Amino acid sequence: MRSDIPTLFDVAEKSGTEVKAFSEVNTLFSGLPYANNIVDYQPSKIQRALTTESKHKRIVFLHFWGAHTPYGASDLSALGETAELLKSGRDDIVRHRYSRAIERTMENQIAPLIRKIDPSNWAIIIFSDHGESWTWDEPYHGCTLKNSVLRVPLFYHIPHSGNPSPVPPVLSIIDLYPSILNLCQIKNDYDGFGQDFLLPNNSTFLRCAQIHPDPLPNDLKIDVTHNPFDDPEHGRQWALFNEQVKHTCDQDNNLRSTVDIFDETVSNNPKWTNDFFDTKWNELCSASKWSDKPFQKEITSDRDILDKQLRDLGYIE
């Protein structure tokens, strides 16, 4: 992450809003600026956070891991049974396990919590941070900006609003940042790439996504002898998209693609030129005071904690 950029938790707490954050794998956030905000997933504390009255506004963040790789495989390893199934073409088994893992998370963890809270007092936002590709060049996620990774579910309930549909038909996950700030009526000077998806907006506004595969590893881009996948090189990428088109630029490899937003077939619209998207990208970067901030330096102790967590989760040996 870039240095000195205020996180949603920071901005909320400075405004007097209470922040309670829980994760099933909280050490996975080691080294990130909001790591200290997130504690172990503890049902009793979560229930108190959701049901105890307070004179302050409150944000409760819950991070679930059950639907993540390897989706309940018996060996609990991303590099083991699930990887071999994908390599052998049995993605039907993997998809079934993935679907069941999602069902368990929704029905056994999220739904019971929702039933316990007062929907007239709480806004609820349920989303995923990424999808999965299950392809030779991206076994899971972390390498590309394909739709299989970018397209994620978003469910929301906003009290007394009638729950209107998002104004633009296509969103970016970064739109949640300004949307939540405004929903909580938190004053802020946010000028990042996200846009409040509940405010009137021009539907042709280009949304943004970025990925920087290095130096952080992809789920399976680990130096292990039994990695069953090829190890393609992917560079830093950005994508701009709306309800019609998605343009992706791999900056390190000088690769481009312009495709239909939904089926990812090549777009032949003469309007969507590389120069057009370069101009829009430069405009976005110029408009944000955060674009030129340096990336945080990795601390060795944090790297050791993360490596241990990844090892415990079956990602490395």
C-alpha atoms as a PDB file:
ATOM      1  CA  MET A   1       0.000   0.000   0.000  1.00  0.00           C
ATOM      2  CA  ARG A   2       1.073   3.583  -0.513  1.00  0.00           C
ATOM      3  CA  SER A   3       2.445   5.446   2.490  1.00  0.00           C
ATOM      4  CA  ASP A   4       0.498   8.030   4.498  1.00  0.00           C
ATOM      5  CA  ILE A   5      -2.864   7.359   2.878  1.00  0.00           C
ATOM      6  CA  PRO A   6      -5.596   7.415   5.550  1.00  0.00           C
ATOM      7  CA  THR A   7      -7.546   4.175   5.739  1.00  0.00           C
ATOM      8  CA  LEU A   8     -11.303   4.028   6.095  1.00  0.00           C
ATOM      9  CA  PHE A   9     -10.829   2.951   9.700  1.00  0.00           C
ATOM     10  CA  ASP A  10      -8.549   5.943  10.411  1.00  0.00           C
ATOM     11  CA  VAL A  11     -10.949   8.473   8.910  1.00  0.00           C
ATOM     12  CA  ALA A  12     -13.917   6.944  10.726  1.00  0.00           C
ATOM     13  CA  GLU A  13     -12.229   6.878  14.132  1.00  0.00           C
ATOM     14  CA  LYS A  14     -11.012  10.471  13.823  1.00  0.00           C
ATOM     15  CA  SER A  15     -14.613  11.517  13.177  1.00  0.00           C
ATOM     16  CA  GLY A  16     -15.740   9.890  16.436  1.00  0.00           C
ATOM     17  CA  THR A  17     -17.161   6.785  14.782  1.00  0.00           C
ATOM     18  CA  GLU A  18     -16.464   3.524  16.587  1.00  0.00           C
ATOM     19  CA  VAL A  19     -14.698   0.857  14.534  1.00  0.00           C
ATOM     20  CA  LYS A  20     -14.819  -2.839  15.405  1.00  0.00           C
ATOM     21  CA  ALA A  21     -13.042  -5.186  12.994  1.00  0.00           C
ATOM     22  CA  PHE A  22     -12.740  -8.982  13.162  1.00  0.00           C
ATOM     23  CA  SER A  23     -11.083 -11.545  10.898  1.00  0.00           C
ATOM     24  CA  GLU A  24     -10.871 -15.321  10.815  1.00  0.00           C
ATOM     25  CA  VAL A  25      -7.213 -14.880   9.786  1.00  0.00           C
ATOM     26  CA  ASN A  26      -6.320 -11.496  11.244  1.00  0.00           C
ATOM     27  CA  THR A  27      -2.529 -12.047  11.079  1.00  0.00           C
ATOM     28  CA  LEU A  28      -2.888 -12.112   7.292  1.00  0.00           C
ATOM     29  CA  PHE A  29      -3.060  -8.305   7.494  1.00  0.00           C
ATOM     30  CA  SER A  30       0.331  -8.017   9.213  1.00  0.00           C
ATOM     31  CA  GLY A  31       2.310  -5.029   8.000  1.00  0.00           C
ATOM     32  CA  LEU A  32      -0.685  -3.198   6.544  1.00  0.00           C
ATOM     33  CA  PRO A  33      -1.604   0.164   8.074  1.00  0.00           C
ATOM     34  CA  TYR A  34      -4.959  -1.063   9.390  1.00  0.00           C
ATOM     35  CA  ALA A  35      -3.635  -4.338  10.865  1.00  0.00           C
ATOM     36  CA  ASN A  36      -3.896  -3.080  14.450  1.00  0.00           C
ATOM     37  CA  ASN A  37      -7.602  -2.391  13.967  1.00  0.00           C
ATOM     38  CA  ILE A  38      -8.390  -6.042  13.228  1.00  0.00           C
ATOM     39  CA  VAL A  39      -8.625  -8.702  15.918  1.00  0.00           C
ATOM     40  CA  ASP A  40      -9.442 -12.417  15.973  1.00  0.00           C
ATOM     41  CA  TYR A  41     -12.937 -13.455  14.941  1.00  0.00           C
ATOM     42  CA  GLN A  42     -14.784 -13.855  18.248  1.00  0.00           C
ATOM     43  CA  PRO A  43     -18.551 -14.461  17.964  1.00  0.00           C
ATOM     44  CA  SER A  44     -19.365 -13.153  21.451  1.00  0.00           C
ATOM     45  CA  LYS A  45     -17.546  -9.865  20.853  1.00  0.00           C
ATOM     46  CA  ILE A  46     -19.066  -9.554  17.395  1.00  0.00           C
ATOM     47  CA  GLN A  47     -22.556  -9.980  18.808  1.00  0.00           C
ATOM     48  CA  ARG A  48     -21.897  -7.286  21.398  1.00  0.00           C
ATOM     49  CA  ALA A  49     -20.573  -4.955  18.706  1.00  0.00           C
ATOM     50  CA  LEU A  50     -23.737  -5.471  16.662  1.00  0.00           C
ATOM     51  CA  THR A  51     -26.297  -5.282  19.463  1.00  0.00           C
ATOM     52  CA  THR A  52     -24.903  -2.957  22.151  1.00  0.00           C
ATOM     53  CA  GLU A  53     -26.344   0.545  21.935  1.00  0.00           C
ATOM     54  CA  SER A  54     -24.009   3.525  21.714  1.00  0.00           C
ATOM     55  CA  LYS A  55     -24.309   7.274  21.339  1.00  0.00           C
ATOM     56  CA  HIS A  56     -21.698   7.071  18.574  1.00  0.00           C
ATOM     57  CA  LYS A  57     -21.998   5.726  15.059  1.00  0.00           C
ATOM     58  CA  ARG A  58     -20.318   2.351  14.668  1.00  0.00           C
ATOM     59  CA  ILE A  59     -18.691   0.441  11.801  1.00  0.00           C
ATOM     60  CA  VAL A  60     -18.322  -3.318  12.237  1.00  0.00           C
ATOM     61  CA  PHE A  61     -16.060  -5.048   9.706  1.00  0.00           C
ATOM     62  CA  LEU A  62     -16.126  -8.850   9.427  1.00  0.00           C
ATOM     63  CA  HIS A  63     -13.640 -10.789   7.310  1.00  0.00           C
ATOM     64  CA  PHE A  64     -14.496 -14.418   6.544  1.00  0.00           C
ATOM     65  CA  TRP A  65     -12.096 -17.025   5.175  1.00  0.00           C
ATOM     66  CA  GLY A  66     -14.286 -20.087   4.612  1.00  0.00           C
ATOM     67  CA  ALA A  67     -14.846 -19.431   0.895  1.00  0.00           C
ATOM     68  CA  HIS A  68     -11.150 -18.924   0.202  1.00  0.00           C
ATOM     69  CA  THR A  69      -8.717 -21.406  -1.342  1.00  0.00           C
ATOM     70  CA  PRO A  70      -8.658 -24.436  -1.041  1.00  0.00           C
ATOM     71  CA  TYR A  71     -12.468 -24.446  -0.474  1.00  0.00           C
ATOM     72  CA  GLY A  72     -12.536 -27.164   2.144  1.00  0.00           C
ATOM     73  CA  ALA A  73     -10.096 -29.645   0.559  1.00  0.00           C
ATOM     74  CA  SER A  74      -9.046 -32.327   3.017  1.00  0.00           C
ATOM     75  CA  ASP A  75      -5.338 -31.452   2.800  1.00  0.00           C
ATOM     76  CA  LEU A  76      -6.018 -27.748   3.556  1.00  0.00           C
ATOM     77  CA  SER A  77      -3.420 -26.765   0.948  1.00  0.00           C
ATOM     78  CA  ALA A  78      -3.753 -24.411  -1.995  1.00  0.00           C
ATOM     79  CA  LEU A  79      -0.859 -26.225  -3.658  1.00  0.00           C
ATOM     80  CA  GLY A  80      -2.161 -29.734  -3.112  1.00  0.00           C
ATOM     81  CA  GLU A  81      -5.414 -31.483  -3.999  1.00  0.00           C
ATOM     82  CA  THR A  82      -7.215 -28.396  -5.328  1.00  0.00           C
ATOM     83  CA  ALA A  83      -4.289 -27.390  -7.537  1.00  0.00           C
ATOM     84  CA  GLU A  84      -4.038 -30.927  -8.941  1.00  0.00           C
ATOM     85  CA  LEU A  85      -7.765 -30.978  -9.694  1.00  0.00           C
ATOM     86  CA  LEU A  86      -7.445 -27.729 -11.616  1.00  0.00           C
ATOM     87  CA  LYS A  87      -4.426 -28.935 -13.556  1.00  0.00           C
ATOM     88  CA  SER A  88      -6.207 -32.164 -14.528  1.00  0.00           C
ATOM     89  CA  GLY A  89      -9.204 -30.253 -15.825  1.00  0.00           C
ATOM     90  CA  ARG A  90     -11.563 -31.161 -12.988  1.00  0.00           C
ATOM     91  CA  ASP A  91     -12.606 -27.601 -12.330  1.00  0.00           C
ATOM     92  CA  ASP A  92     -16.178 -28.933 -12.020  1.00  0.00           C
ATOM     93  CA  ILE A  93     -15.220 -30.455  -8.664  1.00  0.00           C
ATOM     94  CA  VAL A  94     -13.467 -27.270  -7.602  1.00  0.00           C
ATOM     95  CA  ARG A  95     -16.483 -25.147  -8.614  1.00  0.00           C
ATOM     96  CA  HIS A  96     -18.798 -27.393  -6.620  1.00  0.00           C
ATOM     97  CA  ARG A  97     -16.605 -27.120  -3.537  1.00  0.00           C
ATOM     98  CA  TYR A  98     -16.324 -23.372  -4.019  1.00  0.00           C
ATOM     99  CA  SER A  99     -20.127 -23.027  -4.251  1.00  0.00           C
ATOM    100  CA  ARG A 100     -20.608 -25.096  -1.116  1.00  0.00           C
ATOM    101  CA  ALA A 101     -18.015 -23.023   0.744  1.00  0.00           C
ATOM    102  CA  ILE A 102     -19.870 -19.844  -0.219  1.00  0.00           C
ATOM    103  CA  GLU A 103     -23.171 -21.350   0.887  1.00  0.00           C
ATOM    104  CA  ARG A 104     -21.707 -22.302   4.270  1.00  0.00           C
ATOM    105  CA  THR A 105     -20.310 -18.807   4.789  1.00  0.00           C
ATOM    106  CA  MET A 106     -23.560 -17.094   3.818  1.00  0.00           C
ATOM    107  CA  GLU A 107     -26.002 -19.442   5.561  1.00  0.00           C
ATOM    108  CA  ASN A 108     -24.057 -20.454   8.662  1.00  0.00           C
ATOM    109  CA  GLN A 109     -22.142 -17.262   9.453  1.00  0.00           C
ATOM    110  CA  ILE A 110     -23.547 -14.166   7.774  1.00  0.00           C
ATOM    111  CA  ALA A 111     -27.298 -14.904   7.829  1.00  0.00           C
ATOM    112  CA  PRO A 112     -27.458 -15.630  11.594  1.00  0.00           C
ATOM    113  CA  LEU A 113     -25.731 -12.303  12.303  1.00  0.00           C
ATOM    114  CA  ILE A 114     -28.139 -10.390  10.087  1.00  0.00           C
ATOM    115  CA  ARG A 115     -31.116 -11.967  11.844  1.00  0.00           C
ATOM    116  CA  LYS A 116     -29.873 -10.644  15.191  1.00  0.00           C
ATOM    117  CA  ILE A 117     -29.613  -6.964  14.255  1.00  0.00           C
ATOM    118  CA  ASP A 118     -32.207  -4.259  13.760  1.00  0.00           C
ATOM    119  CA  PRO A 119     -32.306  -3.453  10.006  1.00  0.00           C
ATOM    120  CA  SER A 120     -33.723  -0.019  10.745  1.00  0.00           C
ATOM    121  CA  ASN A 121     -30.515   0.892  12.587  1.00  0.00           C
ATOM    122  CA  TRP A 122     -27.849  -0.806  10.492  1.00  0.00           C
ATOM    123  CA  ALA A 123     -26.632  -0.442   6.935  1.00  0.00           C
ATOM    124  CA  ILE A 124     -25.347  -3.802   5.693  1.00  0.00           C
ATOM    125  CA  ILE A 125     -22.825  -4.256   2.890  1.00  0.00           C
ATOM    126  CA  ILE A 126     -21.722  -7.750   1.845  1.00  0.00           C
ATOM    127  CA  PHE A 127     -18.993  -8.111  -0.758  1.00  0.00           C
ATOM    128  CA  SER A 128     -16.036 -10.185  -1.844  1.00  0.00           C
ATOM    129  CA  ASP A 129     -12.591  -8.739  -2.497  1.00  0.00           C
ATOM    130  CA  HIS A 130     -11.840 -10.957  -5.516  1.00  0.00           C
ATOM    131  CA  GLY A 131     -12.975 -13.849  -7.667  1.00  0.00           C
ATOM    132  CA  GLU A 132     -10.965 -16.787  -9.023  1.00  0.00           C
ATOM    133  CA  SER A 133      -9.688 -17.524 -12.546  1.00  0.00           C
ATOM    134  CA  TRP A 134      -8.797 -21.249 -12.384  1.00  0.00           C
ATOM    135  CA  THR A 135      -6.727 -20.943 -15.567  1.00  0.00           C
ATOM    136  CA  TRP A 136      -3.177 -22.018 -16.463  1.00  0.00           C
ATOM    137  CA  ASP A 137      -1.849 -18.458 -16.212  1.00  0.00           C
ATOM    138  CA  GLU A 138      -3.800 -17.572 -13.062  1.00  0.00           C
ATOM    139  CA  PRO A 139      -4.725 -20.646 -11.029  1.00  0.00           C
ATOM    140  CA  TYR A 140      -6.571 -18.600  -8.422  1.00  0.00           C
ATOM    141  CA  HIS A 141      -6.141 -14.809  -8.342  1.00  0.00           C
ATOM    142  CA  GLY A 142      -3.500 -12.128  -7.907  1.00  0.00           C
ATOM    143  CA  CYS A 143      -2.041 -11.930 -11.419  1.00  0.00           C
ATOM    144  CA  THR A 144      -4.549 -10.255 -13.732  1.00  0.00           C
ATOM    145  CA  LEU A 145      -7.560  -7.970 -14.023  1.00  0.00           C
ATOM    146  CA  LYS A 146      -9.741 -10.490 -15.808  1.00  0.00           C
ATOM    147  CA  ASN A 147     -13.477 -10.462 -15.156  1.00  0.00           C
ATOM    148  CA  SER A 148     -13.116 -13.780 -13.362  1.00  0.00           C
ATOM    149  CA  VAL A 149     -11.139 -11.909 -10.698  1.00  0.00           C
ATOM    150  CA  LEU A 150     -12.805  -8.493 -10.853  1.00  0.00           C
ATOM    151  CA  ARG A 151     -16.469  -9.515 -10.860  1.00  0.00           C
ATOM    152  CA  VAL A 152     -17.613 -10.029  -7.278  1.00  0.00           C
ATOM    153  CA  PRO A 153     -20.964 -10.022  -5.465  1.00  0.00           C
ATOM    154  CA  LEU A 154     -22.291  -6.889  -3.792  1.00  0.00           C
ATOM    155  CA  PHE A 155     -25.361  -6.958  -1.561  1.00  0.00           C
ATOM    156  CA  TYR A 156     -26.457  -3.973   0.465  1.00  0.00           C
ATOM    157  CA  HIS A 157     -29.249  -2.733   2.691  1.00  0.00           C
ATOM    158  CA  ILE A 158     -29.556   0.942   3.607  1.00  0.00           C
ATOM    159  CA  PRO A 159     -32.197   1.785   6.214  1.00  0.00           C
ATOM    160  CA  HIS A 160     -35.161   3.904   5.129  1.00  0.00           C
ATOM    161  CA  SER A 161     -33.816   4.212   1.560  1.00  0.00           C
ATOM    162  CA  GLY A 162     -35.826   1.639  -0.345  1.00  0.00           C
ATOM    163  CA  ASN A 163     -32.436   0.167  -1.283  1.00  0.00           C
ATOM    164  CA  PRO A 164     -32.091   1.831  -4.688  1.00  0.00           C
ATOM    165  CA  SER A 165     -29.967   0.233  -7.371  1.00  0.00           C
ATOM    166  CA  PRO A 166     -26.475   1.682  -7.845  1.00  0.00           C
ATOM    167  CA  VAL A 167     -26.528   4.735 -10.095  1.00  0.00           C
ATOM    168  CA  PRO A 168     -23.846   3.435 -12.495  1.00  0.00           C
ATOM    169  CA  PRO A 169     -24.475  -0.111 -13.757  1.00  0.00           C
ATOM    170  CA  VAL A 170     -20.825  -1.124 -13.255  1.00  0.00           C
ATOM    171  CA  LEU A 171     -18.850  -0.419 -10.086  1.00  0.00           C
ATOM    172  CA  SER A 172     -15.351  -0.872  -8.724  1.00  0.00           C
ATOM    173  CA  ILE A 173     -14.679  -2.241  -5.265  1.00  0.00           C
ATOM    174  CA  ILE A 174     -12.820   0.984  -4.449  1.00  0.00           C
ATOM    175  CA  ASP A 175     -16.157   2.808  -4.745  1.00  0.00           C
ATOM    176  CA  LEU A 176     -17.010   1.380  -1.321  1.00  0.00           C
ATOM    177  CA  TYR A 177     -14.553   3.741   0.396  1.00  0.00           C
ATOM    178  CA  PRO A 178     -16.287   7.051  -0.431  1.00  0.00           C
ATOM    179  CA  SER A 179     -19.710   5.390  -0.370  1.00  0.00           C
ATOM    180  CA  ILE A 180     -19.292   4.200   3.234  1.00  0.00           C
ATOM    181  CA  LEU A 181     -17.849   7.537   4.351  1.00  0.00           C
ATOM    182  CA  ASN A 182     -20.841   9.388   2.936  1.00  0.00           C
ATOM    183  CA  LEU A 183     -23.303   6.798   4.227  1.00  0.00           C
ATOM    184  CA  CYS A 184     -21.903   7.346   7.737  1.00  0.00           C
ATOM    185  CA  GLN A 185     -21.983  11.126   7.184  1.00  0.00           C
ATOM    186  CA  ILE A 186     -18.272  11.355   7.867  1.00  0.00           C
ATOM    187  CA  LYS A 187     -16.678  14.540   6.580  1.00  0.00           C
ATOM    188  CA  ASN A 188     -13.634  13.818   4.458  1.00  0.00           C
ATOM    189  CA  ASP A 189     -11.409  15.225   1.735  1.00  0.00           C
ATOM    190  CA  TYR A 190     -11.214  11.988  -0.229  1.00  0.00           C
ATOM    191  CA  ASP A 191      -9.964  12.508  -3.771  1.00  0.00           C
ATOM    192  CA  GLY A 192      -9.019   8.974  -4.738  1.00  0.00           C
ATOM    193  CA  PHE A 193     -10.196   6.957  -7.718  1.00  0.00           C
ATOM    194  CA  GLY A 194     -13.436   5.676  -6.161  1.00  0.00           C
ATOM    195  CA  GLN A 195     -16.878   7.272  -6.520  1.00  0.00           C
ATOM    196  CA  ASP A 196     -19.906   7.106  -4.227  1.00  0.00           C
ATOM    197  CA  PHE A 197     -22.128   4.667  -6.122  1.00  0.00           C
ATOM    198  CA  LEU A 198     -25.306   5.979  -4.475  1.00  0.00           C
ATOM    199  CA  LEU A 199     -24.911   9.548  -5.679  1.00  0.00           C
ATOM    200  CA  PRO A 200     -26.147  10.770  -9.093  1.00  0.00           C
ATOM    201  CA  ASN A 201     -23.335  10.112 -11.514  1.00  0.00           C
ATOM    202  CA  ASN A 202     -22.569  10.111 -15.197  1.00  0.00           C
ATOM    203  CA  SER A 203     -22.907   6.490 -16.300  1.00  0.00           C
ATOM    204  CA  THR A 204     -20.009   6.919 -18.726  1.00  0.00           C
ATOM    205  CA  PHE A 205     -17.585   7.702 -15.877  1.00  0.00           C
ATOM    206  CA  LEU A 206     -14.720   5.220 -16.092  1.00  0.00           C
ATOM    207  CA  ARG A 207     -14.174   3.033 -13.054  1.00  0.00           C
ATOM    208  CA  CYS A 208     -10.679   1.942 -12.071  1.00  0.00           C
ATOM    209  CA  ALA A 209      -8.932  -1.239 -10.937  1.00  0.00           C
ATOM    210  CA  GLN A 210      -5.239  -1.859 -10.326  1.00  0.00           C
ATOM    211  CA  ILE A 211      -3.030  -4.807  -9.499  1.00  0.00           C
ATOM    212  CA  HIS A 212       0.652  -4.995  -8.689  1.00  0.00           C
ATOM    213  CA  PRO A 213       1.624  -8.703  -8.612  1.00  0.00           C
ATOM    214  CA  ASP A 214       5.211  -8.045  -7.545  1.00  0.00           C
ATOM    215  CA  PRO A 215       6.847  -8.099  -5.073  1.00  0.00           C
ATOM    216  CA  LEU A 216       3.928  -9.785  -3.297  1.00  0.00           C
ATOM    217  CA  PRO A 217       3.303 -13.344  -4.501  1.00  0.00           C
ATOM    218  CA  ASN A 218       0.213 -14.627  -6.222  1.00  0.00           C
ATOM    219  CA  ASP A 219      -1.508 -17.442  -4.346  1.00  0.00           C
ATOM    220  CA  LEU A 220       0.522 -20.039  -6.247  1.00  0.00           C
ATOM    221  CA  LYS A 221       3.484 -17.980  -7.434  1.00  0.00           C
ATOM    222  CA  ILE A 222       5.637 -19.414  -4.660  1.00  0.00           C
ATOM    223  CA  ASP A 223       9.060 -20.977  -5.065  1.00  0.00           C
ATOM    224  CA  VAL A 224       8.164 -24.575  -4.268  1.00  0.00           C
ATOM    225  CA  THR A 225       9.348 -27.685  -6.086  1.00  0.00           C
ATOM    226  CA  HIS A 226       5.914 -29.240  -6.500  1.00  0.00           C
ATOM    227  CA  ASN A 227       4.052 -26.193  -7.866  1.00  0.00           C
ATOM    228  CA  PRO A 228       1.981 -27.893 -10.619  1.00  0.00           C
ATOM    229  CA  PHE A 229       1.439 -24.703 -12.619  1.00  0.00           C
ATOM    230  CA  ASP A 230       3.492 -22.708 -15.058  1.00  0.00           C
ATOM    231  CA  ASP A 231       4.793 -19.438 -13.688  1.00  0.00           C
ATOM    232  CA  PRO A 232       3.945 -16.641 -16.163  1.00  0.00           C
ATOM    233  CA  GLU A 233       5.236 -13.165 -15.567  1.00  0.00           C
ATOM    234  CA  HIS A 234       2.636 -10.442 -15.076  1.00  0.00           C
ATOM    235  CA  GLY A 235       3.517  -6.810 -14.544  1.00  0.00           C
ATOM    236  CA  ARG A 236       1.831  -3.870 -12.865  1.00  0.00           C
ATOM    237  CA  GLN A 237      -1.582  -3.368 -14.419  1.00  0.00           C
ATOM    238  CA  TRP A 238      -4.395  -0.858 -14.430  1.00  0.00           C
ATOM    239  CA  ALA A 239      -7.811  -1.082 -16.002  1.00  0.00           C
ATOM    240  CA  LEU A 240     -10.465   1.497 -16.815  1.00  0.00           C
ATOM    241  CA  PHE A 241     -14.001   0.349 -17.495  1.00  0.00           C
ATOM    242  CA  ASN A 242     -17.661   1.297 -17.676  1.00  0.00           C
ATOM    243  CA  GLU A 243     -20.823  -0.567 -18.676  1.00  0.00           C
ATOM    244  CA  GLN A 244     -19.540  -0.895 -22.251  1.00  0.00           C
ATOM    245  CA  VAL A 245     -15.811  -1.483 -22.293  1.00  0.00           C
ATOM    246  CA  LYS A 246     -12.754  -2.488 -20.262  1.00  0.00           C
ATOM    247  CA  HIS A 247      -9.252  -1.393 -21.203  1.00  0.00           C
ATOM    248  CA  THR A 248      -6.320  -3.067 -19.440  1.00  0.00           C
ATOM    249  CA  CYS A 249      -2.701  -1.948 -19.559  1.00  0.00           C
ATOM    250  CA  ASP A 250       0.224  -4.067 -18.341  1.00  0.00           C
ATOM    251  CA  GLN A 251       2.752  -1.310 -17.768  1.00  0.00           C
ATOM    252  CA  ASP A 252       5.812  -3.530 -17.341  1.00  0.00           C
ATOM    253  CA  ASN A 253       5.225  -5.716 -20.400  1.00  0.00           C
ATOM    254  CA  ASN A 254       3.694  -3.024 -22.622  1.00  0.00           C
ATOM    255  CA  LEU A 255       0.590  -5.130 -23.242  1.00  0.00           C
ATOM    256  CA  ARG A 256      -2.908  -3.784 -23.927  1.00  0.00           C
ATOM    257  CA  SER A 257      -6.386  -5.150 -24.338  1.00  0.00           C
ATOM    258  CA  THR A 258      -9.704  -3.446 -25.015  1.00  0.00           C
ATOM    259  CA  VAL A 259     -12.715  -5.716 -24.607  1.00  0.00           C
ATOM    260  CA  ASP A 260     -16.456  -5.748 -24.108  1.00  0.00           C
ATOM    261  CA  ILE A 261     -17.046  -5.316 -20.387  1.00  0.00           C
ATOM    262  CA  PHE A 262     -19.232  -8.384 -19.957  1.00  0.00           C
ATOM    263  CA  ASP A 263     -18.088 -11.109 -22.365  1.00  0.00           C
ATOM    264  CA  GLU A 264     -14.484  -9.884 -22.791  1.00  0.00           C
ATOM    265  CA  THR A 265     -14.568 -10.188 -26.569  1.00  0.00           C
ATOM    266  CA  VAL A 266     -12.271  -7.787 -28.407  1.00  0.00           C
ATOM    267  CA  SER A 267     -13.844  -4.367 -28.906  1.00  0.00           C
ATOM    268  CA  ASN A 268     -13.662  -2.861 -32.396  1.00  0.00           C
ATOM    269  CA  ASN A 269     -15.208   0.472 -31.458  1.00  0.00           C
ATOM    270  CA  PRO A 270     -12.891   3.127 -32.950  1.00  0.00           C
ATOM    271  CA  LYS A 271     -13.653   5.421 -30.011  1.00  0.00           C
ATOM    272  CA  TRP A 272     -11.742   3.246 -27.559  1.00  0.00           C
ATOM    273  CA  THR A 273      -8.133   3.968 -28.542  1.00  0.00           C
ATOM    274  CA  ASN A 274      -5.034   3.538 -26.393  1.00  0.00           C
ATOM    275  CA  ASP A 275      -4.569   7.297 -26.432  1.00  0.00           C
ATOM    276  CA  PHE A 276      -8.108   7.807 -25.143  1.00  0.00           C
ATOM    277  CA  PHE A 277      -7.525   5.544 -22.151  1.00  0.00           C
ATOM    278  CA  ASP A 278      -4.028   6.896 -21.498  1.00  0.00           C
ATOM    279  CA  THR A 279      -5.513  10.385 -21.306  1.00  0.00           C
ATOM    280  CA  LYS A 280      -8.246   9.260 -18.901  1.00  0.00           C
ATOM    281  CA  TRP A 281      -5.725   7.398 -16.754  1.00  0.00           C
ATOM    282  CA  ASN A 282      -3.421  10.399 -16.560  1.00  0.00           C
ATOM    283  CA  GLU A 283      -6.376  12.609 -15.646  1.00  0.00           C
ATOM    284  CA  LEU A 284      -7.284  10.278 -12.794  1.00  0.00           C
ATOM    285  CA  CYS A 285      -3.725  10.195 -11.486  1.00  0.00           C
ATOM    286  CA  SER A 286      -3.318  13.953 -11.739  1.00  0.00           C
ATOM    287  CA  ALA A 287      -6.548  14.573  -9.857  1.00  0.00           C
ATOM    288  CA  SER A 288      -5.490  12.494  -6.841  1.00  0.00           C
ATOM    289  CA  LYS A 289      -2.909  13.661  -4.330  1.00  0.00           C
ATOM    290  CA  TRP A 290      -2.198  10.034  -3.417  1.00  0.00           C
ATOM    291  CA  SER A 291      -0.985   8.770  -6.812  1.00  0.00           C
ATOM    292  CA  ASP A 292       2.645   9.767  -6.328  1.00  0.00           C
ATOM    293  CA  LYS A 293       2.972   8.540  -2.757  1.00  0.00           C
ATOM    294  CA  PRO A 294       5.697   5.882  -2.391  1.00  0.00           C
ATOM    295  CA  PHE A 295       4.797   2.327  -1.493  1.00  0.00           C
ATOM    296  CA  GLN A 296       5.365   1.246   2.080  1.00  0.00           C
ATOM    297  CA  LYS A 297       8.600  -0.576   2.834  1.00  0.00           C
ATOM    298  CA  GLU A 298       8.193  -4.138   3.973  1.00  0.00           C
ATOM    299  CA  ILE A 299       9.280  -4.865   7.539  1.00  0.00           C
ATOM    300  CA  THR A 300      11.074  -8.189   8.023  1.00  0.00           C
ATOM    301  CA  SER A 301       9.123  -9.116  11.164  1.00  0.00           C
ATOM    302  CA  ASP A 302       5.826  -8.512   9.365  1.00  0.00           C
ATOM    303  CA  ARG A 303       7.012 -10.641   6.449  1.00  0.00           C
ATOM    304  CA  ASP A 304       7.850 -13.461   8.872  1.00  0.00           C
ATOM    305  CA  ILE A 305       4.375 -13.288  10.436  1.00  0.00           C
ATOM    306  CA  LEU A 306       2.725 -13.339   7.016  1.00  0.00           C
ATOM    307  CA  ASP A 307       4.891 -16.262   5.864  1.00  0.00           C
ATOM    308  CA  LYS A 308       3.864 -18.243   8.937  1.00  0.00           C
ATOM    309  CA  GLN A 309       0.192 -17.499   8.265  1.00  0.00           C
ATOM    310  CA  LEU A 310       0.528 -18.547   4.618  1.00  0.00           C
ATOM    311  CA  ARG A 311       2.336 -21.696   5.687  1.00  0.00           C
ATOM    312  CA  ASP A 312      -0.404 -22.533   8.191  1.00  0.00           C
ATOM    313  CA  LEU A 313      -2.996 -21.993   5.453  1.00  0.00           C
ATOM    314  CA  GLY A 314      -1.200 -24.337   3.069  1.00  0.00           C
ATOM    315  CA  TYR A 315       0.172 -21.788   0.603  1.00  0.00           C
ATOM    316  CA  ILE A 316       3.860 -22.398   1.225  1.00  0.00           C
ATOM    317  CA  GLU A 317       5.902 -25.155   2.815  1.00  0.00           C
END
